[in-house]
C-alpha cells in the first residue's frame, strides 16, 4: 500500500512539474527514426550529427518563439518492423507531432501511422519512388529513385547483357524494379541485408555471360563486399553502382577505380557548406561520409525551423505551410515542394570513382 501511494505521489509530482511550465516554454519535440547501429549507421549518424549541431545553435539563440527544440532519437535500424515499433513509441508515448525518418523502407512502413494520426513526416534522404504517394503528411528533401533508375538504365543499355546484384531492402528494391521494367534483358540476383558472402549470386550472373554488372546495395558494407567479390571471381568488365559510389572511403579500394555510379546531386561549394563541414570536422573528427545526406538534412532543418516560427507545431498548419512554401534557396540549390511533397529541381547525377 505504501509503495502504491509513493508511486502515485511521484506521478502526481511529475504532472504538476510539467503543468507548472507554461506551454510557451515547453519544448517542441521531434521524433527521429534512423539507423544508428549496424551497417546502415554510416548514413544515419551523418544526419544525426548535423541535426545535433543545428538544434544546439537554435536553442542557444532562444529556440522557436522561446520554446527549445528537443530531439528523441530511436534506432529503426533501416528495418520496417523496428521502425514501426519506434514510431508507435514516439507517437503514442512521447506524443510527438513531427517525425523525421532515415531509410526508405522505414519511411514507407511508418507512413500509414503518420497519415492516420495526422503526424508530419518530414524526411531528408528517403528516395524510394513510392514515397511520392505515401501520404498527405509526408515530405522529403531528396530526389526520387525513379529518376536514379532511369539514369542507370541510360548507362546500362549500351551493353547487350547486363547483370544486376541488389540488396533485398526498400531503397534498392525500388531501383531494381524500375531498372528491370525498363531493361527487360537484365539478369537479376538478390541477397539478404545481413549477407556479406555474395559469391553464389555473382557466380550465377557471370554464368549468364554478362558484359557489365550493376551493383545496387542498400548499405555501403554490402556494396563494398559485392565490389570486391565481383573482381575476385574474375570479372573484368565495367561495374556500375548506385549511391554507394559516393561513400567517402570507397576511393581507397582499387576495385572501385573507374566505376561509374548514379549519384546523389552534387552539393555546390559555398561558404555555407564550408562552414558546416568545418564544424562537423571539429566536432566529430571527420567530414560527413555522405555530403548529400548532410546537405539535405541541413536544408530540411532550416525549412522546418522556419515553418515552426511561422505557424507553430500543429501538423496540419505545418503541412499546409510546406505545400505553399515559396522557392527556398539552401545548400542544395533553389526548390519548392510539389503537390506530392517532393522537391522540384534536384536531380541525381552520374559520377566516376577516381
Protein backbone atom coordinates (compact mmCIF):
# COMPACT_ATOMS: atom_id res chain seq x y z
CA UNK A 1 0.00 0.00 0.00
CA UNK A 2 2.82 2.39 0.91
CA UNK A 3 4.60 1.53 -2.33
CA UNK A 4 1.47 2.27 -4.39
CA UNK A 5 0.99 5.57 -2.59
CA UNK A 6 4.61 6.52 -3.24
CA UNK A 7 4.29 5.77 -6.97
CA UNK A 8 1.07 7.82 -7.12
CA UNK A 9 2.74 10.77 -5.42
CA UNK A 10 5.71 10.60 -7.82
CA UNK A 11 3.40 10.59 -10.84
CA UNK A 12 1.36 13.46 -9.47
CA UNK A 13 4.53 15.39 -8.76
CA UNK A 14 5.77 14.84 -12.32
CA UNK A 15 2.45 16.01 -13.76
CA UNK A 16 2.48 19.07 -11.53
CA UNK A 17 6.02 19.95 -12.57
CA UNK A 18 5.10 19.60 -16.26
CA UNK A 19 1.97 21.68 -15.84
CA UNK A 20 3.98 24.32 -13.99
CA UNK A 21 5.95 25.03 -17.17
CA UNK A 22 3.88 27.38 -19.39
CA UNK A 23 3.03 25.99 -22.81
CA UNK A 24 5.00 28.79 -24.44
CA UNK A 25 8.17 27.46 -22.75
CA UNK A 26 7.60 23.74 -23.23
CA UNK A 27 9.92 22.09 -25.76
CA UNK A 28 8.91 21.35 -29.31
CA UNK A 29 9.66 17.65 -29.60
CA UNK A 30 10.69 15.95 -32.83
CA UNK A 31 10.94 12.19 -33.17
CA UNK A 32 13.85 10.90 -35.22
CA UNK A 33 13.96 7.33 -36.54
CA UNK A 34 17.17 6.26 -38.19
CA UNK A 35 19.81 3.56 -38.38
CA UNK A 36 22.21 4.43 -35.58
CA UNK A 37 23.71 0.95 -35.21
CA UNK A 38 24.62 -1.71 -37.76
CA UNK A 39 25.77 -1.41 -41.38
CA UNK A 40 23.41 1.46 -42.22
CA UNK A 41 24.59 3.61 -39.32
CA UNK A 42 27.15 5.29 -41.58
CA UNK A 43 24.45 7.49 -43.10
CA UNK A 44 22.13 7.59 -40.09
CA UNK A 45 24.85 9.14 -37.98
CA UNK A 46 25.60 11.81 -40.60
CA UNK A 47 22.05 13.13 -40.30
CA UNK A 48 22.07 12.85 -36.51
CA UNK A 49 25.34 14.75 -36.20
CA UNK A 50 24.16 17.59 -38.47
CA UNK A 51 20.84 17.83 -36.65
CA UNK A 52 22.56 17.96 -33.25
CA UNK A 53 24.73 20.87 -34.39
CA UNK A 54 21.74 22.81 -35.75
CA UNK A 55 19.48 22.20 -32.75
CA UNK A 56 22.29 23.28 -30.44
CA UNK A 57 22.64 26.53 -32.41
CA UNK A 58 18.90 27.12 -32.41
CA UNK A 59 18.47 26.58 -28.68
CA UNK A 60 21.45 28.78 -27.88
CA UNK A 61 19.63 31.57 -29.72
CA UNK A 62 16.38 31.13 -27.79
CA UNK A 63 14.69 28.30 -29.70
CA UNK A 64 11.44 28.78 -31.59
CA UNK A 65 9.44 31.67 -30.10
CA UNK A 66 11.17 30.98 -26.79
CA UNK A 67 10.50 27.23 -26.93
CA UNK A 68 13.53 24.93 -27.06
CA UNK A 69 13.72 22.14 -29.60
CA UNK A 70 14.15 18.59 -28.32
CA UNK A 71 15.02 15.55 -30.45
CA UNK A 72 14.15 11.99 -29.38
CA UNK A 73 16.23 9.52 -31.36
CA UNK A 74 15.08 5.95 -31.96
CA UNK A 75 17.12 3.27 -33.72
CA UNK A 76 14.94 1.95 -36.53
CA UNK A 77 17.91 0.00 -37.99
CA UNK A 78 16.71 0.70 -41.54
CA UNK A 79 14.16 -2.04 -40.89
CA UNK A 80 10.37 -1.75 -41.30
CA UNK A 81 9.42 -3.69 -38.15
CA UNK A 82 11.83 -1.86 -35.84
CA UNK A 83 10.85 1.48 -37.33
CA UNK A 84 7.11 0.91 -36.81
CA UNK A 85 7.82 -0.06 -33.19
CA UNK A 86 9.82 3.16 -32.77
CA UNK A 87 7.08 5.23 -34.40
CA UNK A 88 4.41 3.78 -32.11
CA UNK A 89 6.51 4.72 -29.11
CA UNK A 90 7.19 8.23 -30.35
CA UNK A 91 3.58 8.94 -31.37
CA UNK A 92 1.65 7.31 -28.54
CA UNK A 93 4.07 7.52 -25.59
CA UNK A 94 6.14 10.61 -26.32
CA UNK A 95 3.22 12.25 -28.18
CA UNK A 96 5.37 13.80 -30.89
CA UNK A 97 3.67 15.66 -33.73
CA UNK A 98 6.67 15.69 -36.07
CA UNK A 99 8.76 12.74 -37.25
CA UNK A 100 11.88 12.60 -39.38
CA UNK A 101 12.90 9.23 -40.80
CA UNK A 102 16.03 7.92 -42.46
CA UNK A 103 15.74 4.93 -44.86
CA UNK A 104 13.01 4.50 -47.45
CA UNK A 105 11.85 1.14 -46.09
CA UNK A 106 11.30 2.73 -42.69
CA UNK A 107 9.50 5.77 -44.10
CA UNK A 108 7.11 3.67 -46.16
CA UNK A 109 6.34 1.35 -43.25
CA UNK A 110 5.62 4.25 -40.89
CA UNK A 111 3.61 6.40 -43.31
CA UNK A 112 0.23 4.71 -42.57
CA UNK A 113 0.74 5.62 -38.89
CA UNK A 114 1.65 9.23 -39.61
CA UNK A 115 -1.27 9.61 -42.00
CA UNK A 116 -3.85 8.09 -39.68
CA UNK A 117 -2.69 10.14 -36.70
CA UNK A 118 -2.02 13.40 -38.59
CA UNK A 119 1.68 13.43 -37.71
CA UNK A 120 4.01 15.34 -40.02
CA UNK A 121 6.71 13.11 -41.56
CA UNK A 122 9.42 15.34 -43.00
CA UNK A 123 12.48 13.43 -44.19
CA UNK A 124 15.78 14.48 -45.71
CA UNK A 125 17.21 11.47 -47.57
CA UNK A 126 14.45 8.96 -48.35
CA UNK A 127 14.44 8.33 -52.07
CA UNK A 128 12.14 5.37 -52.84
CA UNK A 129 9.79 6.19 -55.72
CA UNK A 130 6.71 5.06 -53.75
CA UNK A 131 7.24 7.82 -51.18
CA UNK A 132 5.75 10.19 -53.74
CA UNK A 133 2.35 8.67 -52.95
CA UNK A 134 2.96 7.79 -49.29
CA UNK A 135 0.53 10.36 -47.91
CA UNK A 136 -0.53 13.94 -47.44
CA UNK A 137 1.67 14.40 -44.34
CA UNK A 138 4.85 13.03 -45.96
CA UNK A 139 7.52 15.38 -47.36
CA UNK A 140 11.11 14.80 -48.36
CA UNK A 141 14.16 16.86 -49.29
CA UNK A 142 15.51 14.43 -51.86
CA UNK A 143 15.04 13.19 -55.40
CA UNK A 144 13.12 10.03 -56.35
CA UNK A 145 14.77 6.69 -57.11
CA UNK A 146 12.63 6.53 -60.23
CA UNK A 147 14.88 9.25 -61.65
CA UNK A 148 18.04 7.47 -60.48
CA UNK A 149 16.92 4.19 -62.05
CA UNK A 150 16.21 5.86 -65.40
CA UNK A 151 19.71 7.35 -65.41
CA UNK A 152 21.16 3.92 -64.56
CA UNK A 153 19.29 2.40 -67.49
CA UNK A 154 20.81 5.03 -69.76
CA UNK A 155 24.26 3.80 -68.72
CA UNK A 156 23.46 0.10 -68.93
CA UNK A 157 21.53 -0.10 -72.19
CA UNK A 158 24.72 0.19 -74.24
CA UNK A 159 25.54 -3.39 -73.18
CA UNK A 160 23.85 -6.45 -74.67
CA UNK A 161 23.89 -8.49 -71.44
CA UNK A 162 23.76 -6.83 -68.04
CA UNK A 163 23.68 -8.33 -64.55
CA UNK A 164 22.24 -6.59 -61.50
CA UNK A 165 23.09 -7.57 -57.92
CA UNK A 166 20.72 -5.94 -55.45
CA UNK A 167 20.13 -5.92 -51.71
CA UNK A 168 16.65 -7.00 -50.64
CA UNK A 169 15.70 -3.76 -48.89
CA UNK A 170 13.27 -0.94 -49.66
CA UNK A 171 15.66 1.52 -51.31
CA UNK A 172 17.48 -0.94 -53.56
CA UNK A 173 14.35 -2.91 -54.42
CA UNK A 174 12.75 0.28 -55.71
CA UNK A 175 15.65 0.87 -58.10
CA UNK A 176 15.68 -2.80 -59.09
CA UNK A 177 12.00 -2.74 -60.04
CA UNK A 178 12.35 0.27 -62.31
CA UNK A 179 15.57 -0.95 -63.95
CA UNK A 180 14.06 -4.39 -64.60
CA UNK A 181 10.96 -2.80 -66.10
CA UNK A 182 12.89 -0.51 -68.44
CA UNK A 183 15.66 -3.02 -69.26
CA UNK A 184 13.92 -6.39 -69.67
CA UNK A 185 17.09 -8.31 -70.63
CA UNK A 186 18.85 -7.59 -67.32
CA UNK A 187 19.77 -10.65 -65.22
CA UNK A 188 18.86 -10.09 -61.58
CA UNK A 189 20.17 -11.66 -58.38
CA UNK A 190 19.25 -10.54 -54.87
CA UNK A 191 20.69 -11.06 -51.40
CA UNK A 192 19.58 -10.52 -47.81
CA UNK A 193 20.73 -7.41 -45.96
CA UNK A 194 22.75 -9.46 -43.46
CA UNK A 195 24.69 -11.26 -46.22
CA UNK A 196 28.29 -10.40 -46.99
CA UNK A 197 29.23 -13.57 -48.87
CA UNK A 198 27.69 -12.95 -52.28
CA UNK A 199 29.75 -15.34 -54.36
CA UNK A 200 26.85 -17.65 -55.20
CA UNK A 201 24.77 -14.82 -56.66
CA UNK A 202 27.74 -13.34 -58.51
CA UNK A 203 28.62 -16.74 -59.97
CA UNK A 204 25.08 -17.03 -61.38
CA UNK A 205 25.40 -13.63 -63.05
CA UNK A 206 28.78 -14.49 -64.53
CA UNK A 207 27.31 -17.74 -65.80
CA UNK A 208 24.98 -15.64 -67.92
CA UNK A 209 27.97 -14.13 -69.79
CA UNK A 210 27.10 -10.59 -68.69
CA UNK A 211 29.12 -7.74 -70.19
CA UNK A 212 28.52 -5.35 -67.29
CA UNK A 213 27.33 -5.54 -63.69
CA UNK A 214 25.22 -3.01 -61.82
CA UNK A 215 25.73 -3.11 -58.04
CA UNK A 216 22.61 -1.94 -56.21
CA UNK A 217 23.16 -2.24 -52.43
CA UNK A 218 21.26 -0.59 -49.60
CA UNK A 219 24.32 -0.07 -47.38
CA UNK A 220 27.97 0.65 -48.17
CA UNK A 221 29.02 -2.54 -46.34
CA UNK A 222 27.26 -4.89 -48.76
CA UNK A 223 28.21 -2.72 -51.72
CA UNK A 224 31.90 -2.98 -50.85
CA UNK A 225 31.60 -6.74 -50.32
CA UNK A 226 29.94 -7.14 -53.72
CA UNK A 227 32.51 -4.97 -55.47
CA UNK A 228 35.47 -6.89 -54.11
CA UNK A 229 33.95 -10.31 -54.75
CA UNK A 230 32.97 -9.48 -58.34
CA UNK A 231 36.63 -8.75 -59.11
CA UNK A 232 37.89 -11.69 -57.04
CA UNK A 233 35.76 -14.03 -59.17
CA UNK A 234 37.49 -12.79 -62.29
CA UNK A 235 35.03 -10.34 -63.84
CA UNK A 236 36.96 -7.72 -65.82
CA UNK A 237 34.10 -5.84 -67.45
CA UNK A 238 32.63 -2.48 -66.39
CA UNK A 239 30.95 -2.17 -63.00
CA UNK A 240 28.26 0.41 -62.32
CA UNK A 241 26.85 1.39 -58.94
CA UNK A 242 24.14 3.28 -57.13
CA UNK A 243 24.68 5.98 -54.49
CA UNK A 244 27.30 3.95 -52.56
CA UNK A 245 29.88 5.03 -55.13
CA UNK A 246 29.92 8.36 -53.30
CA UNK A 247 30.88 6.81 -49.97
CA UNK A 248 33.93 8.74 -48.77
CA UNK A 249 36.08 5.64 -48.15
CA UNK A 250 35.36 3.95 -51.49
CA UNK A 251 38.25 5.63 -53.29
CA UNK A 252 40.62 3.67 -51.05
CA UNK A 253 39.59 0.41 -52.76
CA UNK A 254 41.41 -0.34 -56.05
CA UNK A 255 38.41 -2.42 -57.22
CA UNK A 256 36.32 0.76 -57.32
CA UNK A 257 38.59 2.73 -59.64
CA UNK A 258 36.73 3.80 -62.78
CA UNK A 259 33.29 2.70 -61.54
CA UNK A 260 30.50 4.91 -62.85
CA UNK A 261 27.69 5.39 -60.38
CA UNK A 262 24.32 7.09 -60.24
CA UNK A 263 24.98 9.59 -57.54
CA UNK A 264 23.25 12.00 -55.29
CA UNK A 265 23.18 15.52 -56.74
CA UNK A 266 26.39 17.46 -56.29
CA UNK A 267 26.40 19.83 -53.35
CA UNK A 268 27.87 23.07 -54.75
CA UNK A 269 30.77 24.63 -52.89
CA UNK A 270 29.68 27.63 -50.86
CA UNK A 271 30.65 29.48 -47.68
CA UNK A 272 27.67 27.79 -46.00
CA UNK A 273 28.93 24.33 -46.92
CA UNK A 274 32.49 25.14 -45.90
CA UNK A 275 31.36 26.40 -42.51
CA UNK A 276 29.17 23.36 -41.78
CA UNK A 277 31.83 20.89 -42.98
CA UNK A 278 34.44 22.56 -40.76
CA UNK A 279 32.19 22.46 -37.71
CA UNK A 280 31.41 18.82 -38.43
CA UNK A 281 35.12 18.06 -38.72
CA UNK A 282 35.88 19.88 -35.47
CA UNK A 283 33.13 18.09 -33.55
CA UNK A 284 33.30 14.57 -35.00
CA UNK A 285 36.86 14.30 -36.32
CA UNK A 286 35.91 13.81 -39.98
CA UNK A 287 33.87 15.34 -42.76
CA UNK A 288 30.40 13.90 -43.49
CA UNK A 289 30.66 10.45 -45.08
CA UNK A 290 27.78 11.36 -47.42
CA UNK A 291 27.72 15.01 -48.40
CA UNK A 292 24.22 14.93 -49.88
CA UNK A 293 22.81 13.46 -46.66
CA UNK A 294 24.42 16.25 -44.65
CA UNK A 295 23.25 18.97 -47.03
CA UNK A 296 19.72 17.61 -47.35
CA UNK A 297 19.46 17.35 -43.56
CA UNK A 298 20.72 20.92 -43.19
CA UNK A 299 18.19 22.28 -45.68
CA UNK A 300 15.31 20.24 -44.23
CA UNK A 301 16.11 21.51 -40.74
CA UNK A 302 16.26 25.13 -41.88
CA UNK A 303 12.91 24.79 -43.66
CA UNK A 304 11.29 23.11 -40.65
CA UNK A 305 12.62 25.76 -38.25
CA UNK A 306 11.14 28.50 -40.45
CA UNK A 307 7.81 26.69 -40.66
CA UNK A 308 7.71 26.34 -36.86
CA UNK A 309 8.39 30.05 -36.46
CA UNK A 310 5.61 30.91 -38.88
CA UNK A 311 2.78 28.55 -37.84
CA UNK A 312 3.83 26.69 -34.67
CA UNK A 313 3.93 22.92 -34.28
CA UNK A 314 0.40 21.99 -35.38
CA UNK A 315 0.90 19.25 -38.03
CA UNK A 316 -1.95 20.45 -40.26
CA UNK A 317 -0.63 24.01 -40.26
CA UNK A 318 2.92 22.77 -40.95
CA UNK A 319 1.70 20.60 -43.82
CA UNK A 320 -0.17 23.48 -45.41
CA UNK A 321 2.80 25.82 -44.97
CA UNK A 322 5.16 23.35 -46.65
CA UNK A 323 2.85 22.89 -49.64
CA UNK A 324 2.59 26.67 -50.06
CA UNK A 325 6.27 27.37 -49.34
CA UNK A 326 7.81 29.82 -51.82
CA UNK A 327 11.05 28.71 -53.55
CA UNK A 328 13.68 28.03 -50.89
CA UNK A 329 17.38 28.62 -51.52
CA UNK A 330 19.60 26.37 -49.44
CA UNK A 331 22.67 24.18 -49.69
CA UNK A 332 21.05 22.04 -52.41
CA UNK A 333 20.01 25.00 -54.57
CA UNK A 334 16.63 26.65 -55.06
CA UNK A 335 13.50 24.48 -54.93
CA UNK A 336 9.98 24.09 -53.56
CA UNK A 337 7.57 21.23 -52.82
CA UNK A 338 5.18 19.86 -55.41
CA UNK A 339 1.67 18.51 -54.78
CA UNK A 340 3.13 15.19 -53.54
CA UNK A 341 5.56 16.64 -51.02
CA UNK A 342 8.58 16.01 -53.31
CA UNK A 343 11.08 18.77 -54.00
CA UNK A 344 11.47 20.11 -57.53
CA UNK A 345 14.68 20.75 -59.42
CA UNK A 346 17.04 18.41 -57.53
CA UNK A 347 18.16 15.56 -59.80
CA UNK A 348 20.68 12.71 -59.39
CA UNK A 349 23.92 12.81 -61.36
CA UNK A 350 26.49 10.40 -62.85
CA UNK A 351 30.00 10.34 -61.43
CA UNK A 352 33.13 8.20 -61.62
CA UNK A 353 35.25 6.84 -58.77
CA UNK A 354 38.77 8.14 -59.33
